[in-house]
Amino acid sequence: MKKPKFKSYLRPNGHNEFIEYFTALPVKERIKLQATIEITEEKGLQIASRLQLIKKIDDNLFELRSRQGNNYQRGLYFHVTDNYYIITHGFSKKTNKTR
């Protein structure tokens, strides 16, 4: 199985929600989220899933999951083709619970 490759989505107007979110993160949180992406690309989706770095949300919607202290960072992504995945949005949470 090919290793996944992640890219962020760039809108036709040049807007990139994930990169804007990512660059606004504090340095430690940014490093942790970048490490989550890199580990997932290096180790593959199955291992990343076992390590709870990614989670399936719906048929073709997934989340990258990282944590720095009491802050949780998420990146929403979907499968495009072959081994390519597009990260569309990012958000932070104060708790790991979903309501």
N, C-alpha and C. Protein backbone atom coordinates (compact mmCIF):
# COMPACT_ATOMS: atom_id res chain seq x y z
N MET A 1 0.84 -1.18 0.00
CA MET A 1 0.00 0.00 0.00
C MET A 1 0.89 1.25 0.00
N LYS A 2 0.54 2.20 -0.85
CA LYS A 2 1.31 3.44 -0.94
C LYS A 2 1.09 4.29 0.31
N LYS A 3 2.11 5.03 0.66
CA LYS A 3 2.02 5.92 1.81
C LYS A 3 1.17 7.14 1.44
N PRO A 4 0.36 7.63 2.38
CA PRO A 4 -0.49 8.79 2.08
C PRO A 4 0.33 10.07 1.91
N LYS A 5 -0.18 10.95 1.09
CA LYS A 5 0.41 12.28 0.87
C LYS A 5 -0.68 13.31 1.15
N PHE A 6 -0.38 14.24 2.05
CA PHE A 6 -1.34 15.27 2.42
C PHE A 6 -0.99 16.61 1.79
N LYS A 7 -2.02 17.29 1.33
CA LYS A 7 -1.89 18.66 0.84
C LYS A 7 -3.07 19.44 1.39
N SER A 8 -2.90 20.73 1.58
CA SER A 8 -4.03 21.54 2.02
C SER A 8 -4.74 22.10 0.79
N TYR A 9 -6.01 22.40 0.97
CA TYR A 9 -6.83 22.87 -0.14
C TYR A 9 -6.67 24.37 -0.34
N LEU A 10 -6.32 24.75 -1.54
CA LEU A 10 -6.21 26.16 -1.92
C LEU A 10 -7.40 26.50 -2.81
N ARG A 11 -8.24 27.41 -2.33
CA ARG A 11 -9.41 27.83 -3.11
C ARG A 11 -8.97 28.63 -4.34
N PRO A 12 -9.81 28.71 -5.35
CA PRO A 12 -9.47 29.50 -6.54
C PRO A 12 -9.15 30.96 -6.22
N ASN A 13 -9.72 31.49 -5.13
CA ASN A 13 -9.45 32.88 -4.76
C ASN A 13 -8.17 33.02 -3.93
N GLY A 14 -7.44 31.91 -3.73
CA GLY A 14 -6.19 31.94 -2.99
C GLY A 14 -6.33 31.71 -1.50
N HIS A 15 -7.54 31.54 -1.02
CA HIS A 15 -7.80 31.33 0.41
C HIS A 15 -7.50 29.88 0.78
N ASN A 16 -6.79 29.67 1.89
CA ASN A 16 -6.44 28.33 2.35
C ASN A 16 -6.72 28.26 3.86
N GLU A 17 -7.90 27.76 4.22
CA GLU A 17 -8.33 27.75 5.62
C GLU A 17 -7.37 26.98 6.52
N PHE A 18 -6.90 25.82 6.07
CA PHE A 18 -6.03 25.02 6.93
C PHE A 18 -4.71 25.73 7.20
N ILE A 19 -4.08 26.27 6.18
CA ILE A 19 -2.79 26.96 6.38
C ILE A 19 -2.97 28.19 7.27
N GLU A 20 -4.08 28.90 7.11
CA GLU A 20 -4.34 30.05 7.98
C GLU A 20 -4.48 29.60 9.44
N TYR A 21 -5.21 28.51 9.66
CA TYR A 21 -5.35 27.96 11.01
C TYR A 21 -3.98 27.51 11.53
N PHE A 22 -3.27 26.75 10.72
CA PHE A 22 -1.99 26.17 11.11
C PHE A 22 -0.97 27.24 11.49
N THR A 23 -0.84 28.27 10.69
CA THR A 23 0.16 29.31 10.97
C THR A 23 -0.23 30.18 12.17
N ALA A 24 -1.51 30.20 12.54
CA ALA A 24 -1.95 30.97 13.70
C ALA A 24 -1.77 30.21 15.01
N LEU A 25 -1.48 28.91 14.93
CA LEU A 25 -1.29 28.11 16.15
C LEU A 25 -0.03 28.54 16.89
N PRO A 26 -0.04 28.40 18.22
CA PRO A 26 1.21 28.58 18.96
C PRO A 26 2.26 27.58 18.46
N VAL A 27 3.52 27.91 18.59
CA VAL A 27 4.60 27.11 18.01
C VAL A 27 4.54 25.64 18.43
N LYS A 28 4.36 25.36 19.71
CA LYS A 28 4.34 23.97 20.19
C LYS A 28 3.19 23.18 19.57
N GLU A 29 2.03 23.81 19.44
CA GLU A 29 0.88 23.13 18.85
C GLU A 29 1.10 22.89 17.36
N ARG A 30 1.72 23.86 16.69
CA ARG A 30 2.02 23.72 15.26
C ARG A 30 3.00 22.57 15.03
N ILE A 31 4.04 22.50 15.86
CA ILE A 31 5.03 21.43 15.74
C ILE A 31 4.37 20.07 15.94
N LYS A 32 3.49 19.98 16.93
CA LYS A 32 2.82 18.71 17.22
C LYS A 32 1.91 18.29 16.06
N LEU A 33 1.15 19.22 15.51
CA LEU A 33 0.26 18.90 14.39
C LEU A 33 1.07 18.53 13.15
N GLN A 34 2.16 19.23 12.90
CA GLN A 34 3.03 18.89 11.77
C GLN A 34 3.61 17.49 11.95
N ALA A 35 3.99 17.14 13.17
CA ALA A 35 4.51 15.80 13.45
C ALA A 35 3.45 14.74 13.20
N THR A 36 2.20 15.03 13.54
CA THR A 36 1.10 14.09 13.28
C THR A 36 0.97 13.83 11.79
N ILE A 37 1.04 14.88 10.99
CA ILE A 37 0.95 14.73 9.53
C ILE A 37 2.14 13.91 9.02
N GLU A 38 3.33 14.24 9.47
CA GLU A 38 4.53 13.54 9.00
C GLU A 38 4.55 12.08 9.41
N ILE A 39 4.16 11.77 10.64
CA ILE A 39 4.11 10.37 11.09
C ILE A 39 3.10 9.59 10.26
N THR A 40 1.95 10.20 9.99
CA THR A 40 0.92 9.53 9.18
C THR A 40 1.44 9.27 7.78
N GLU A 41 2.15 10.23 7.19
CA GLU A 41 2.72 10.03 5.85
C GLU A 41 3.81 8.96 5.87
N GLU A 42 4.62 8.92 6.89
CA GLU A 42 5.73 7.96 6.96
C GLU A 42 5.28 6.55 7.31
N LYS A 43 4.39 6.43 8.29
CA LYS A 43 4.00 5.11 8.80
C LYS A 43 2.79 4.53 8.10
N GLY A 44 1.96 5.37 7.50
CA GLY A 44 0.77 4.89 6.83
C GLY A 44 -0.48 5.06 7.67
N LEU A 45 -1.62 4.89 7.03
CA LEU A 45 -2.90 5.14 7.68
C LEU A 45 -3.25 4.12 8.75
N GLN A 46 -2.92 2.85 8.53
CA GLN A 46 -3.27 1.83 9.51
C GLN A 46 -2.55 2.05 10.83
N ILE A 47 -1.27 2.32 10.77
CA ILE A 47 -0.50 2.56 12.00
C ILE A 47 -0.96 3.86 12.65
N ALA A 48 -1.18 4.90 11.86
CA ALA A 48 -1.65 6.18 12.40
C ALA A 48 -3.00 6.01 13.09
N SER A 49 -3.85 5.16 12.54
CA SER A 49 -5.14 4.90 13.16
C SER A 49 -4.96 4.19 14.50
N ARG A 50 -4.08 3.20 14.54
CA ARG A 50 -3.81 2.49 15.79
C ARG A 50 -3.21 3.41 16.85
N LEU A 51 -2.42 4.39 16.40
CA LEU A 51 -1.81 5.36 17.32
C LEU A 51 -2.78 6.48 17.68
N GLN A 52 -3.99 6.42 17.14
CA GLN A 52 -5.05 7.41 17.34
C GLN A 52 -4.64 8.80 16.85
N LEU A 53 -3.86 8.83 15.77
CA LEU A 53 -3.47 10.09 15.14
C LEU A 53 -4.48 10.51 14.09
N ILE A 54 -5.27 9.55 13.62
CA ILE A 54 -6.34 9.84 12.66
C ILE A 54 -7.60 9.11 13.09
N LYS A 55 -8.73 9.61 12.63
CA LYS A 55 -10.00 8.99 12.96
C LYS A 55 -10.96 9.18 11.79
N LYS A 56 -11.69 8.12 11.46
CA LYS A 56 -12.70 8.20 10.42
C LYS A 56 -13.96 8.82 11.02
N ILE A 57 -14.48 9.84 10.35
CA ILE A 57 -15.69 10.52 10.82
C ILE A 57 -16.91 10.08 10.02
N ASP A 58 -16.74 9.95 8.70
CA ASP A 58 -17.83 9.56 7.81
C ASP A 58 -17.22 8.79 6.65
N ASP A 59 -18.01 8.49 5.62
CA ASP A 59 -17.54 7.67 4.50
C ASP A 59 -16.19 8.13 3.95
N ASN A 60 -16.05 9.39 3.64
CA ASN A 60 -14.81 9.90 3.06
C ASN A 60 -14.35 11.16 3.80
N LEU A 61 -14.61 11.20 5.10
CA LEU A 61 -14.20 12.33 5.92
C LEU A 61 -13.45 11.81 7.14
N PHE A 62 -12.26 12.36 7.35
CA PHE A 62 -11.38 11.91 8.42
C PHE A 62 -10.83 13.11 9.16
N GLU A 63 -10.23 12.85 10.33
CA GLU A 63 -9.56 13.93 11.04
C GLU A 63 -8.18 13.52 11.48
N LEU A 64 -7.25 14.45 11.36
CA LEU A 64 -5.92 14.33 11.96
C LEU A 64 -6.09 14.78 13.39
N ARG A 65 -5.44 14.09 14.33
CA ARG A 65 -5.64 14.38 15.74
C ARG A 65 -4.31 14.59 16.44
N SER A 66 -4.14 15.74 17.06
CA SER A 66 -2.95 15.96 17.87
C SER A 66 -3.35 16.66 19.16
N ARG A 67 -2.44 16.60 20.12
CA ARG A 67 -2.71 17.20 21.42
C ARG A 67 -1.43 17.83 21.95
N GLN A 68 -1.55 19.03 22.46
CA GLN A 68 -0.44 19.70 23.12
C GLN A 68 -0.99 20.24 24.43
N GLY A 69 -0.59 19.65 25.54
CA GLY A 69 -1.13 20.05 26.84
C GLY A 69 -2.61 19.75 26.91
N ASN A 70 -3.41 20.74 27.26
CA ASN A 70 -4.86 20.57 27.34
C ASN A 70 -5.57 21.01 26.07
N ASN A 71 -4.83 21.27 25.02
CA ASN A 71 -5.42 21.72 23.76
C ASN A 71 -5.34 20.61 22.72
N TYR A 72 -6.44 20.42 22.03
CA TYR A 72 -6.53 19.40 20.98
C TYR A 72 -6.62 20.10 19.64
N GLN A 73 -5.80 19.67 18.69
CA GLN A 73 -5.83 20.24 17.35
C GLN A 73 -6.38 19.18 16.40
N ARG A 74 -7.20 19.63 15.47
CA ARG A 74 -7.80 18.73 14.49
C ARG A 74 -7.64 19.32 13.09
N GLY A 75 -7.44 18.43 12.14
CA GLY A 75 -7.42 18.81 10.74
C GLY A 75 -8.35 17.89 9.98
N LEU A 76 -9.34 18.42 9.32
CA LEU A 76 -10.29 17.60 8.56
C LEU A 76 -9.75 17.36 7.16
N TYR A 77 -9.83 16.10 6.72
CA TYR A 77 -9.32 15.77 5.40
C TYR A 77 -10.18 14.70 4.74
N PHE A 78 -10.01 14.57 3.43
CA PHE A 78 -10.71 13.53 2.68
C PHE A 78 -9.79 12.95 1.62
N HIS A 79 -10.15 11.77 1.16
CA HIS A 79 -9.38 11.06 0.14
C HIS A 79 -9.76 11.59 -1.23
N VAL A 80 -8.76 11.88 -2.05
CA VAL A 80 -9.01 12.40 -3.39
C VAL A 80 -8.87 11.28 -4.40
N THR A 81 -7.67 10.76 -4.55
CA THR A 81 -7.39 9.69 -5.49
C THR A 81 -6.08 9.02 -5.11
N ASP A 82 -5.96 7.75 -5.44
CA ASP A 82 -4.73 7.01 -5.19
C ASP A 82 -4.32 7.19 -3.73
N ASN A 83 -3.16 7.78 -3.48
CA ASN A 83 -2.70 7.97 -2.10
C ASN A 83 -2.69 9.45 -1.69
N TYR A 84 -3.51 10.27 -2.35
CA TYR A 84 -3.55 11.70 -2.07
C TYR A 84 -4.76 12.07 -1.22
N TYR A 85 -4.50 12.93 -0.24
CA TYR A 85 -5.53 13.39 0.69
C TYR A 85 -5.45 14.91 0.79
N ILE A 86 -6.62 15.54 0.91
CA ILE A 86 -6.69 17.00 1.00
C ILE A 86 -7.19 17.39 2.39
N ILE A 87 -6.41 18.24 3.06
CA ILE A 87 -6.81 18.79 4.36
C ILE A 87 -7.53 20.11 4.07
N THR A 88 -8.77 20.21 4.52
CA THR A 88 -9.57 21.39 4.19
C THR A 88 -9.63 22.41 5.31
N HIS A 89 -9.74 21.96 6.54
CA HIS A 89 -9.94 22.87 7.67
C HIS A 89 -9.19 22.37 8.89
N GLY A 90 -8.96 23.27 9.81
CA GLY A 90 -8.38 22.92 11.10
C GLY A 90 -9.12 23.64 12.20
N PHE A 91 -9.13 23.04 13.38
CA PHE A 91 -9.75 23.70 14.53
C PHE A 91 -9.13 23.15 15.81
N SER A 92 -9.28 23.90 16.88
CA SER A 92 -8.76 23.51 18.18
C SER A 92 -9.92 23.27 19.13
N LYS A 93 -9.67 22.38 20.08
CA LYS A 93 -10.67 22.05 21.09
C LYS A 93 -10.01 22.11 22.46
N LYS A 94 -10.80 22.37 23.48
CA LYS A 94 -10.29 22.37 24.85
C LYS A 94 -10.55 21.03 25.53
N THR A 95 -11.41 20.22 24.93
CA THR A 95 -11.73 18.90 25.47
C THR A 95 -11.76 17.91 24.32
N ASN A 96 -11.57 16.64 24.62
CA ASN A 96 -11.56 15.62 23.59
C ASN A 96 -12.96 15.07 23.33
N LYS A 97 -13.96 15.57 24.02
CA LYS A 97 -15.32 15.09 23.87
C LYS A 97 -15.99 15.72 22.66
N THR A 98 -16.83 14.92 22.01
CA THR A 98 -17.64 15.40 20.90
C THR A 98 -19.10 15.32 21.33
N ARG A 99 -19.84 16.37 21.10
CA ARG A 99 -21.26 16.36 21.51
C ARG A 99 -22.13 16.25 20.31
